Amino acid sequence: MLLAIDCGNTNTVFSIWDGDSFIATWRTSTEHQRTADQYYVWLSTLMNLKGIQPDITDVIISSTVPRVVFNLRVLSDRYFGTRPYVVGRPDCALPVDVRVDTGTQVGPDRLVNTVAGYDLYGGDIIVVDFGTATTFDVVEADGAYVGGVIAPGVNLSLQALHEAAAALPHVDISRPQAVVGTNTVACMQSGIFWGYVGLVKEICQRIKAERDRPMKIISTGGLAPLFQQSDVLFDDVQDDLTMHGLTVIYRHNTKQG
């Protein structure tokens, strides 16, 4: 079985893939101090609760937090007896090209989303990922990653607003009943919700105009379904896009081997 690990700035997701589907997924906060032993105790306990035998044969990792990768590699080597594939490392090949400025490092999560998007939908797509940052990744007709856009994440914007303005509370993200709020919380929710709807629409429209061709818009991330309620912002929403991409990259590398 394959253990796929997606380590983001806020959360780290562990999923077990049996070759046909994901049979279990768990999420934990991303902490660079967490040791390989702590990861294993946590993970093996959850596997036992679901009645899953810890017969992991392969591991693949995508991480936007470099300091976490070391302990995840130790976890793979010490407890599963396998050297992990790490997206972005030279020994982990991608099934698509990356066409950006020389010397530019593209986040592993963006590469994985590109691979997944192309595998599921073909080329000429925009992948919108609602994570710690809100990212827009442009996938060429042949599947190549050709660049994108990075904007502040929704929760990050809310946190900054709360911390910078003492009178403003922390609020949850939800679709407001009206655009014009009649209290502070409603005003903030409207500004964030409709502000990001406008941001997504405008950026995607400008990407399409610049590329001068029809493009599908695919979204992922926890807030994607919420923003889809506002309008038909996206052609499809894929909750497990990143995990799917990790399995595609894994298959590509094992076929090469």
C-alpha atoms as a PDB file:
ATOM      1  CA  MET A   1       0.000   0.000   0.000  1.00  0.00           C
ATOM      2  CA  LEU A   2       1.028   3.573  -0.640  1.00  0.00           C
ATOM      3  CA  LEU A   3       1.163   6.259   2.053  1.00  0.00           C
ATOM      4  CA  ALA A   4       0.643   9.655   0.414  1.00  0.00           C
ATOM      5  CA  ILE A   5       1.573  12.680   2.531  1.00  0.00           C
ATOM      6  CA  ASP A   6       0.621  16.250   1.652  1.00  0.00           C
ATOM      7  CA  CYS A   7       2.315  18.686   4.029  1.00  0.00           C
ATOM      8  CA  GLY A   8       1.005  22.237   3.814  1.00  0.00           C
ATOM      9  CA  ASN A   9       1.782  25.332   5.837  1.00  0.00           C
ATOM     10  CA  THR A  10      -1.210  24.761   8.124  1.00  0.00           C
ATOM     11  CA  ASN A  11      -2.144  21.061   7.967  1.00  0.00           C
ATOM     12  CA  THR A  12      -0.572  17.781   6.910  1.00  0.00           C
ATOM     13  CA  VAL A  13      -2.748  15.094   5.321  1.00  0.00           C
ATOM     14  CA  PHE A  14      -1.920  11.375   5.376  1.00  0.00           C
ATOM     15  CA  SER A  15      -3.827   9.081   3.002  1.00  0.00           C
ATOM     16  CA  ILE A  16      -3.494   5.358   2.370  1.00  0.00           C
ATOM     17  CA  TRP A  17      -4.024   4.172  -1.199  1.00  0.00           C
ATOM     18  CA  ASP A  18      -4.518   0.487  -1.895  1.00  0.00           C
ATOM     19  CA  GLY A  19      -3.915   0.744  -5.635  1.00  0.00           C
ATOM     20  CA  ASP A  20      -7.532   1.439  -6.518  1.00  0.00           C
ATOM     21  CA  SER A  21      -8.775   4.002  -4.030  1.00  0.00           C
ATOM     22  CA  PHE A  22      -7.961   5.827  -0.804  1.00  0.00           C
ATOM     23  CA  ILE A  23      -9.090   3.678   2.105  1.00  0.00           C
ATOM     24  CA  ALA A  24      -8.322   6.182   4.880  1.00  0.00           C
ATOM     25  CA  THR A  25      -7.350   9.827   5.281  1.00  0.00           C
ATOM     26  CA  TRP A  26      -6.228  11.706   8.390  1.00  0.00           C
ATOM     27  CA  ARG A  27      -5.247  15.312   9.014  1.00  0.00           C
ATOM     28  CA  THR A  28      -2.951  16.841  11.605  1.00  0.00           C
ATOM     29  CA  SER A  29      -1.494  20.287  12.199  1.00  0.00           C
ATOM     30  CA  THR A  30       1.875  20.936  10.569  1.00  0.00           C
ATOM     31  CA  GLU A  31       4.604  21.179  13.203  1.00  0.00           C
ATOM     32  CA  HIS A  32       8.262  21.010  12.253  1.00  0.00           C
ATOM     33  CA  GLN A  33       9.184  19.875  15.789  1.00  0.00           C
ATOM     34  CA  ARG A  34       7.223  16.624  15.466  1.00  0.00           C
ATOM     35  CA  THR A  35       9.565  13.640  15.309  1.00  0.00           C
ATOM     36  CA  ALA A  36       9.317  10.527  13.171  1.00  0.00           C
ATOM     37  CA  ASP A  37       8.476   8.499  16.285  1.00  0.00           C
ATOM     38  CA  GLN A  38       5.609  10.839  17.156  1.00  0.00           C
ATOM     39  CA  TYR A  39       4.265  10.615  13.611  1.00  0.00           C
ATOM     40  CA  TYR A  40       4.321   6.827  13.765  1.00  0.00           C
ATOM     41  CA  VAL A  41       2.605   6.557  17.146  1.00  0.00           C
ATOM     42  CA  TRP A  42      -0.151   8.894  15.931  1.00  0.00           C
ATOM     43  CA  LEU A  43      -0.529   7.223  12.544  1.00  0.00           C
ATOM     44  CA  SER A  44      -0.368   3.604  13.714  1.00  0.00           C
ATOM     45  CA  THR A  45      -2.960   4.302  16.421  1.00  0.00           C
ATOM     46  CA  LEU A  46      -5.397   5.692  13.833  1.00  0.00           C
ATOM     47  CA  MET A  47      -4.726   2.780  11.494  1.00  0.00           C
ATOM     48  CA  ASN A  48      -5.456   0.290  14.273  1.00  0.00           C
ATOM     49  CA  LEU A  49      -8.714   2.071  15.101  1.00  0.00           C
ATOM     50  CA  LYS A  50      -9.835   1.556  11.490  1.00  0.00           C
ATOM     51  CA  GLY A  51      -8.575  -2.011  11.423  1.00  0.00           C
ATOM     52  CA  ILE A  52      -5.902  -1.273   8.818  1.00  0.00           C
ATOM     53  CA  GLN A  53      -2.734  -3.328   8.904  1.00  0.00           C
ATOM     54  CA  PRO A  54       0.394  -1.133   8.736  1.00  0.00           C
ATOM     55  CA  ASP A  55       1.743  -2.869   5.607  1.00  0.00           C
ATOM     56  CA  ILE A  56       2.926   0.299   3.873  1.00  0.00           C
ATOM     57  CA  THR A  57       5.299  -0.546   1.024  1.00  0.00           C
ATOM     58  CA  ASP A  58       5.808   2.913  -0.523  1.00  0.00           C
ATOM     59  CA  VAL A  59       5.637   6.542   0.559  1.00  0.00           C
ATOM     60  CA  ILE A  60       5.335   9.737  -1.470  1.00  0.00           C
ATOM     61  CA  ILE A  61       5.605  13.224   0.032  1.00  0.00           C
ATOM     62  CA  SER A  62       4.653  16.692  -1.146  1.00  0.00           C
ATOM     63  CA  SER A  63       5.710  19.390   1.292  1.00  0.00           C
ATOM     64  CA  THR A  64       5.700  23.184   1.204  1.00  0.00           C
ATOM     65  CA  VAL A  65       7.519  23.180   4.565  1.00  0.00           C
ATOM     66  CA  PRO A  66      11.118  21.994   3.981  1.00  0.00           C
ATOM     67  CA  ARG A  67      11.905  21.543   7.690  1.00  0.00           C
ATOM     68  CA  VAL A  68       9.198  18.890   8.024  1.00  0.00           C
ATOM     69  CA  VAL A  69      10.508  16.706   5.205  1.00  0.00           C
ATOM     70  CA  PHE A  70      13.448  15.309   7.175  1.00  0.00           C
ATOM     71  CA  ASN A  71      11.296  13.697   9.867  1.00  0.00           C
ATOM     72  CA  LEU A  72       8.835  12.394   7.286  1.00  0.00           C
ATOM     73  CA  ARG A  73      11.728  10.758   5.438  1.00  0.00           C
ATOM     74  CA  VAL A  74      12.908   9.212   8.707  1.00  0.00           C
ATOM     75  CA  LEU A  75       9.353   7.958   9.331  1.00  0.00           C
ATOM     76  CA  SER A  76       9.335   6.270   5.946  1.00  0.00           C
ATOM     77  CA  ASP A  77      12.764   4.701   6.335  1.00  0.00           C
ATOM     78  CA  ARG A  78      12.574   3.678   9.999  1.00  0.00           C
ATOM     79  CA  TYR A  79       9.037   2.346  10.229  1.00  0.00           C
ATOM     80  CA  PHE A  80       8.119   1.337   6.674  1.00  0.00           C
ATOM     81  CA  GLY A  81      11.527   0.358   5.358  1.00  0.00           C
ATOM     82  CA  THR A  82      11.268   2.386   2.174  1.00  0.00           C
ATOM     83  CA  ARG A  83      12.866   5.477   0.710  1.00  0.00           C
ATOM     84  CA  PRO A  84      10.102   7.978  -0.022  1.00  0.00           C
ATOM     85  CA  TYR A  85       9.509   9.826  -3.250  1.00  0.00           C
ATOM     86  CA  VAL A  86       9.658  13.556  -2.500  1.00  0.00           C
ATOM     87  CA  VAL A  87       8.035  15.819  -5.081  1.00  0.00           C
ATOM     88  CA  GLY A  88      10.467  18.496  -6.202  1.00  0.00           C
ATOM     89  CA  ARG A  89      13.577  16.387  -5.655  1.00  0.00           C
ATOM     90  CA  PRO A  90      15.596  15.379  -8.746  1.00  0.00           C
ATOM     91  CA  ASP A  91      14.965  11.675  -8.160  1.00  0.00           C
ATOM     92  CA  CYS A  92      11.167  12.153  -8.250  1.00  0.00           C
ATOM     93  CA  ALA A  93      10.225  12.556 -11.905  1.00  0.00           C
ATOM     94  CA  LEU A  94       7.105  14.393 -13.035  1.00  0.00           C
ATOM     95  CA  PRO A  95       4.924  13.258 -15.960  1.00  0.00           C
ATOM     96  CA  VAL A  96       4.602  16.894 -17.121  1.00  0.00           C
ATOM     97  CA  ASP A  97       7.025  19.682 -18.009  1.00  0.00           C
ATOM     98  CA  VAL A  98       7.580  22.804 -15.910  1.00  0.00           C
ATOM     99  CA  ARG A  99       8.048  25.913 -18.053  1.00  0.00           C
ATOM    100  CA  VAL A 100       8.905  28.856 -15.820  1.00  0.00           C
ATOM    101  CA  ASP A 101      11.800  31.300 -15.527  1.00  0.00           C
ATOM    102  CA  THR A 102      15.199  29.700 -15.013  1.00  0.00           C
ATOM    103  CA  GLY A 103      16.011  29.313 -11.327  1.00  0.00           C
ATOM    104  CA  THR A 104      12.385  29.574 -10.221  1.00  0.00           C
ATOM    105  CA  GLN A 105      11.289  27.025  -7.631  1.00  0.00           C
ATOM    106  CA  VAL A 106       7.658  26.018  -7.971  1.00  0.00           C
ATOM    107  CA  GLY A 107       5.864  24.787  -4.850  1.00  0.00           C
ATOM    108  CA  PRO A 108       5.460  20.992  -4.814  1.00  0.00           C
ATOM    109  CA  ASP A 109       1.727  21.354  -4.103  1.00  0.00           C
ATOM    110  CA  ARG A 110       1.302  23.370  -7.299  1.00  0.00           C
ATOM    111  CA  LEU A 111       3.152  20.762  -9.334  1.00  0.00           C
ATOM    112  CA  VAL A 112       1.055  17.974  -7.848  1.00  0.00           C
ATOM    113  CA  ASN A 113      -2.177  19.859  -8.584  1.00  0.00           C
ATOM    114  CA  THR A 114      -1.012  20.397 -12.165  1.00  0.00           C
ATOM    115  CA  VAL A 115      -0.372  16.687 -12.614  1.00  0.00           C
ATOM    116  CA  ALA A 116      -3.743  15.785 -11.101  1.00  0.00           C
ATOM    117  CA  GLY A 117      -5.642  18.388 -13.101  1.00  0.00           C
ATOM    118  CA  TYR A 118      -4.136  17.255 -16.382  1.00  0.00           C
ATOM    119  CA  ASP A 119      -4.759  13.596 -15.595  1.00  0.00           C
ATOM    120  CA  LEU A 120      -8.434  14.209 -14.776  1.00  0.00           C
ATOM    121  CA  TYR A 121      -9.380  17.005 -17.177  1.00  0.00           C
ATOM    122  CA  GLY A 122      -6.683  17.320 -19.830  1.00  0.00           C
ATOM    123  CA  GLY A 123      -4.896  20.564 -20.638  1.00  0.00           C
ATOM    124  CA  ASP A 124      -5.913  24.210 -20.841  1.00  0.00           C
ATOM    125  CA  ILE A 125      -7.133  24.417 -17.248  1.00  0.00           C
ATOM    126  CA  ILE A 126      -6.775  26.755 -14.298  1.00  0.00           C
ATOM    127  CA  VAL A 127      -6.436  25.078 -10.899  1.00  0.00           C
ATOM    128  CA  VAL A 128      -7.609  27.252  -8.002  1.00  0.00           C
ATOM    129  CA  ASP A 129      -6.423  25.996  -4.608  1.00  0.00           C
ATOM    130  CA  PHE A 130      -7.849  27.517  -1.419  1.00  0.00           C
ATOM    131  CA  GLY A 131      -5.022  26.881   1.019  1.00  0.00           C
ATOM    132  CA  THR A 132      -2.945  29.072   3.308  1.00  0.00           C
ATOM    133  CA  ALA A 133      -2.456  31.024   0.099  1.00  0.00           C
ATOM    134  CA  THR A 134      -5.015  31.092  -2.699  1.00  0.00           C
ATOM    135  CA  THR A 135      -3.159  29.913  -5.780  1.00  0.00           C
ATOM    136  CA  PHE A 136      -4.059  29.860  -9.470  1.00  0.00           C
ATOM    137  CA  ASP A 137      -2.050  27.418 -11.581  1.00  0.00           C
ATOM    138  CA  VAL A 138      -2.162  27.433 -15.368  1.00  0.00           C
ATOM    139  CA  VAL A 139      -1.838  24.105 -17.170  1.00  0.00           C
ATOM    140  CA  GLU A 140      -0.907  24.135 -20.859  1.00  0.00           C
ATOM    141  CA  ALA A 141      -2.631  21.999 -23.507  1.00  0.00           C
ATOM    142  CA  ASP A 142       0.110  19.350 -23.199  1.00  0.00           C
ATOM    143  CA  GLY A 143      -0.059  19.305 -19.385  1.00  0.00           C
ATOM    144  CA  ALA A 144       2.919  21.566 -18.715  1.00  0.00           C
ATOM    145  CA  TYR A 145       2.887  23.942 -15.764  1.00  0.00           C
ATOM    146  CA  VAL A 146       3.403  27.417 -17.228  1.00  0.00           C
ATOM    147  CA  GLY A 147       2.950  29.703 -14.220  1.00  0.00           C
ATOM    148  CA  GLY A 148       0.167  31.169 -12.150  1.00  0.00           C
ATOM    149  CA  VAL A 149      -0.915  33.625  -9.498  1.00  0.00           C
ATOM    150  CA  ILE A 150      -0.511  33.688  -5.699  1.00  0.00           C
ATOM    151  CA  ALA A 151      -2.925  35.661  -3.505  1.00  0.00           C
ATOM    152  CA  PRO A 152      -3.333  35.730   0.297  1.00  0.00           C
ATOM    153  CA  GLY A 153      -5.445  32.864   1.612  1.00  0.00           C
ATOM    154  CA  VAL A 154      -8.939  33.505   2.918  1.00  0.00           C
ATOM    155  CA  ASN A 155      -8.194  32.569   6.524  1.00  0.00           C
ATOM    156  CA  LEU A 156      -4.893  34.419   6.390  1.00  0.00           C
ATOM    157  CA  SER A 157      -6.687  37.584   5.308  1.00  0.00           C
ATOM    158  CA  LEU A 158      -9.212  37.239   8.101  1.00  0.00           C
ATOM    159  CA  GLN A 159      -6.475  36.658  10.663  1.00  0.00           C
ATOM    160  CA  ALA A 160      -4.538  39.719   9.488  1.00  0.00           C
ATOM    161  CA  LEU A 161      -7.696  41.841   9.633  1.00  0.00           C
ATOM    162  CA  HIS A 162      -8.446  40.675  13.171  1.00  0.00           C
ATOM    163  CA  GLU A 163      -4.876  41.191  14.401  1.00  0.00           C
ATOM    164  CA  ALA A 164      -4.365  44.590  12.762  1.00  0.00           C
ATOM    165  CA  ALA A 165      -7.672  46.128  13.838  1.00  0.00           C
ATOM    166  CA  ALA A 166      -8.307  45.741  17.567  1.00  0.00           C
ATOM    167  CA  ALA A 167     -12.031  46.422  17.260  1.00  0.00           C
ATOM    168  CA  LEU A 168     -12.644  43.707  14.669  1.00  0.00           C
ATOM    169  CA  PRO A 169     -13.409  40.176  15.932  1.00  0.00           C
ATOM    170  CA  HIS A 170     -12.345  36.891  14.439  1.00  0.00           C
ATOM    171  CA  VAL A 171     -15.198  35.528  12.309  1.00  0.00           C
ATOM    172  CA  ASP A 172     -15.965  32.286  10.522  1.00  0.00           C
ATOM    173  CA  ILE A 173     -16.198  32.124   6.745  1.00  0.00           C
ATOM    174  CA  SER A 174     -19.737  31.767   5.464  1.00  0.00           C
ATOM    175  CA  ARG A 175     -21.939  33.117   2.708  1.00  0.00           C
ATOM    176  CA  PRO A 176     -23.697  36.216   4.067  1.00  0.00           C
ATOM    177  CA  GLN A 177     -27.442  36.644   3.663  1.00  0.00           C
ATOM    178  CA  ALA A 178     -26.943  40.064   2.091  1.00  0.00           C
ATOM    179  CA  VAL A 179     -24.063  42.000   0.603  1.00  0.00           C
ATOM    180  CA  VAL A 180     -24.638  44.979   2.898  1.00  0.00           C
ATOM    181  CA  GLY A 181     -24.002  43.904   6.481  1.00  0.00           C
ATOM    182  CA  THR A 182     -25.940  45.414   9.377  1.00  0.00           C
ATOM    183  CA  ASN A 183     -23.436  44.430  12.065  1.00  0.00           C
ATOM    184  CA  THR A 184     -19.667  44.071  12.284  1.00  0.00           C
ATOM    185  CA  VAL A 185     -19.548  40.305  11.783  1.00  0.00           C
ATOM    186  CA  ALA A 186     -21.877  40.440   8.771  1.00  0.00           C
ATOM    187  CA  CYS A 187     -19.848  43.282   7.257  1.00  0.00           C
ATOM    188  CA  MET A 188     -16.615  41.297   7.613  1.00  0.00           C
ATOM    189  CA  GLN A 189     -18.137  38.098   6.255  1.00  0.00           C
ATOM    190  CA  SER A 190     -19.505  39.949   3.251  1.00  0.00           C
ATOM    191  CA  GLY A 191     -16.197  41.642   2.545  1.00  0.00           C
ATOM    192  CA  ILE A 192     -14.248  38.398   2.687  1.00  0.00           C
ATOM    193  CA  PHE A 193     -16.779  36.220   0.867  1.00  0.00           C
ATOM    194  CA  TRP A 194     -17.739  38.540  -1.968  1.00  0.00           C
ATOM    195  CA  GLY A 195     -14.242  39.970  -2.104  1.00  0.00           C
ATOM    196  CA  TYR A 196     -12.799  36.544  -2.853  1.00  0.00           C
ATOM    197  CA  VAL A 197     -15.580  35.720  -5.305  1.00  0.00           C
ATOM    198  CA  GLY A 198     -14.579  38.866  -7.185  1.00  0.00           C
ATOM    199  CA  LEU A 199     -10.887  38.013  -6.899  1.00  0.00           C
ATOM    200  CA  VAL A 200     -11.394  34.530  -8.351  1.00  0.00           C
ATOM    201  CA  LYS A 201     -13.620  35.763 -11.178  1.00  0.00           C
ATOM    202  CA  GLU A 202     -11.320  38.615 -12.178  1.00  0.00           C
ATOM    203  CA  ILE A 203      -8.082  36.636 -12.094  1.00  0.00           C
ATOM    204  CA  CYS A 204      -9.559  33.716 -14.038  1.00  0.00           C
ATOM    205  CA  GLN A 205     -11.057  36.059 -16.628  1.00  0.00           C
ATOM    206  CA  ARG A 206      -7.733  37.808 -17.095  1.00  0.00           C
ATOM    207  CA  ILE A 207      -5.865  34.501 -17.413  1.00  0.00           C
ATOM    208  CA  LYS A 208      -8.313  33.352 -20.087  1.00  0.00           C
ATOM    209  CA  ALA A 209      -7.994  36.664 -21.936  1.00  0.00           C
ATOM    210  CA  GLU A 210      -4.208  36.499 -21.797  1.00  0.00           C
ATOM    211  CA  ARG A 211      -4.149  32.886 -22.983  1.00  0.00           C
ATOM    212  CA  ASP A 212      -6.847  33.669 -25.592  1.00  0.00           C
ATOM    213  CA  ARG A 213      -8.485  30.248 -25.471  1.00  0.00           C
ATOM    214  CA  PRO A 214     -11.264  28.425 -23.585  1.00  0.00           C
ATOM    215  CA  MET A 215     -10.080  27.058 -20.241  1.00  0.00           C
ATOM    216  CA  LYS A 216     -11.733  24.956 -17.577  1.00  0.00           C
ATOM    217  CA  ILE A 217     -11.510  26.151 -13.985  1.00  0.00           C
ATOM    218  CA  ILE A 218     -10.982  23.420 -11.373  1.00  0.00           C
ATOM    219  CA  SER A 219     -10.921  24.184  -7.666  1.00  0.00           C
ATOM    220  CA  THR A 220      -9.679  22.354  -4.614  1.00  0.00           C
ATOM    221  CA  GLY A 221      -9.170  23.078  -0.928  1.00  0.00           C
ATOM    222  CA  GLY A 222     -11.553  23.137   2.007  1.00  0.00           C
ATOM    223  CA  LEU A 223     -13.283  26.397   1.063  1.00  0.00           C
ATOM    224  CA  ALA A 224     -13.838  25.564  -2.602  1.00  0.00           C
ATOM    225  CA  PRO A 225     -17.383  24.153  -2.126  1.00  0.00           C
ATOM    226  CA  LEU A 226     -18.380  27.250  -0.126  1.00  0.00           C
ATOM    227  CA  PHE A 227     -17.336  29.666  -2.849  1.00  0.00           C
ATOM    228  CA  GLN A 228     -18.983  27.524  -5.509  1.00  0.00           C
ATOM    229  CA  GLN A 229     -22.312  28.344  -3.806  1.00  0.00           C
ATOM    230  CA  SER A 230     -21.964  31.991  -4.792  1.00  0.00           C
ATOM    231  CA  ASP A 231     -22.118  31.403  -8.501  1.00  0.00           C
ATOM    232  CA  VAL A 232     -20.774  28.909 -10.990  1.00  0.00           C
ATOM    233  CA  LEU A 233     -17.197  29.956 -10.367  1.00  0.00           C
ATOM    234  CA  PHE A 234     -15.689  26.589 -11.239  1.00  0.00           C
ATOM    235  CA  ASP A 235     -16.315  23.882 -13.794  1.00  0.00           C
ATOM    236  CA  ASP A 236     -15.632  21.297 -11.099  1.00  0.00           C
ATOM    237  CA  VAL A 237     -14.597  20.992  -7.459  1.00  0.00           C
ATOM    238  CA  GLN A 238     -12.163  18.232  -6.461  1.00  0.00           C
ATOM    239  CA  ASP A 239     -11.587  17.795  -2.736  1.00  0.00           C
ATOM    240  CA  ASP A 240      -8.832  15.198  -3.163  1.00  0.00           C
ATOM    241  CA  LEU A 241      -7.052  16.713  -6.169  1.00  0.00           C
ATOM    242  CA  THR A 242      -3.638  16.846  -4.490  1.00  0.00           C
ATOM    243  CA  MET A 243      -3.833  13.260  -3.263  1.00  0.00           C
ATOM    244  CA  HIS A 244      -4.847  12.077  -6.721  1.00  0.00           C
ATOM    245  CA  GLY A 245      -1.839  13.877  -8.151  1.00  0.00           C
ATOM    246  CA  LEU A 246       0.471  12.104  -5.716  1.00  0.00           C
ATOM    247  CA  THR A 247      -0.770   8.715  -6.916  1.00  0.00           C
ATOM    248  CA  VAL A 248      -0.215   9.727 -10.555  1.00  0.00           C
ATOM    249  CA  ILE A 249       3.357  10.834  -9.797  1.00  0.00           C
ATOM    250  CA  TYR A 250       3.955   7.634  -7.831  1.00  0.00           C
ATOM    251  CA  ARG A 251       2.774   5.475 -10.738  1.00  0.00           C
ATOM    252  CA  HIS A 252       4.922   7.465 -13.145  1.00  0.00           C
ATOM    253  CA  ASN A 253       8.041   6.870 -11.056  1.00  0.00           C
ATOM    254  CA  THR A 254       7.413   3.193 -10.423  1.00  0.00           C
ATOM    255  CA  LYS A 255       6.831   2.573 -14.134  1.00  0.00           C
ATOM    256  CA  GLN A 256      10.129   4.296 -14.892  1.00  0.00           C
ATOM    257  CA  GLY A 257      11.867   2.166 -12.268  1.00  0.00           C
END
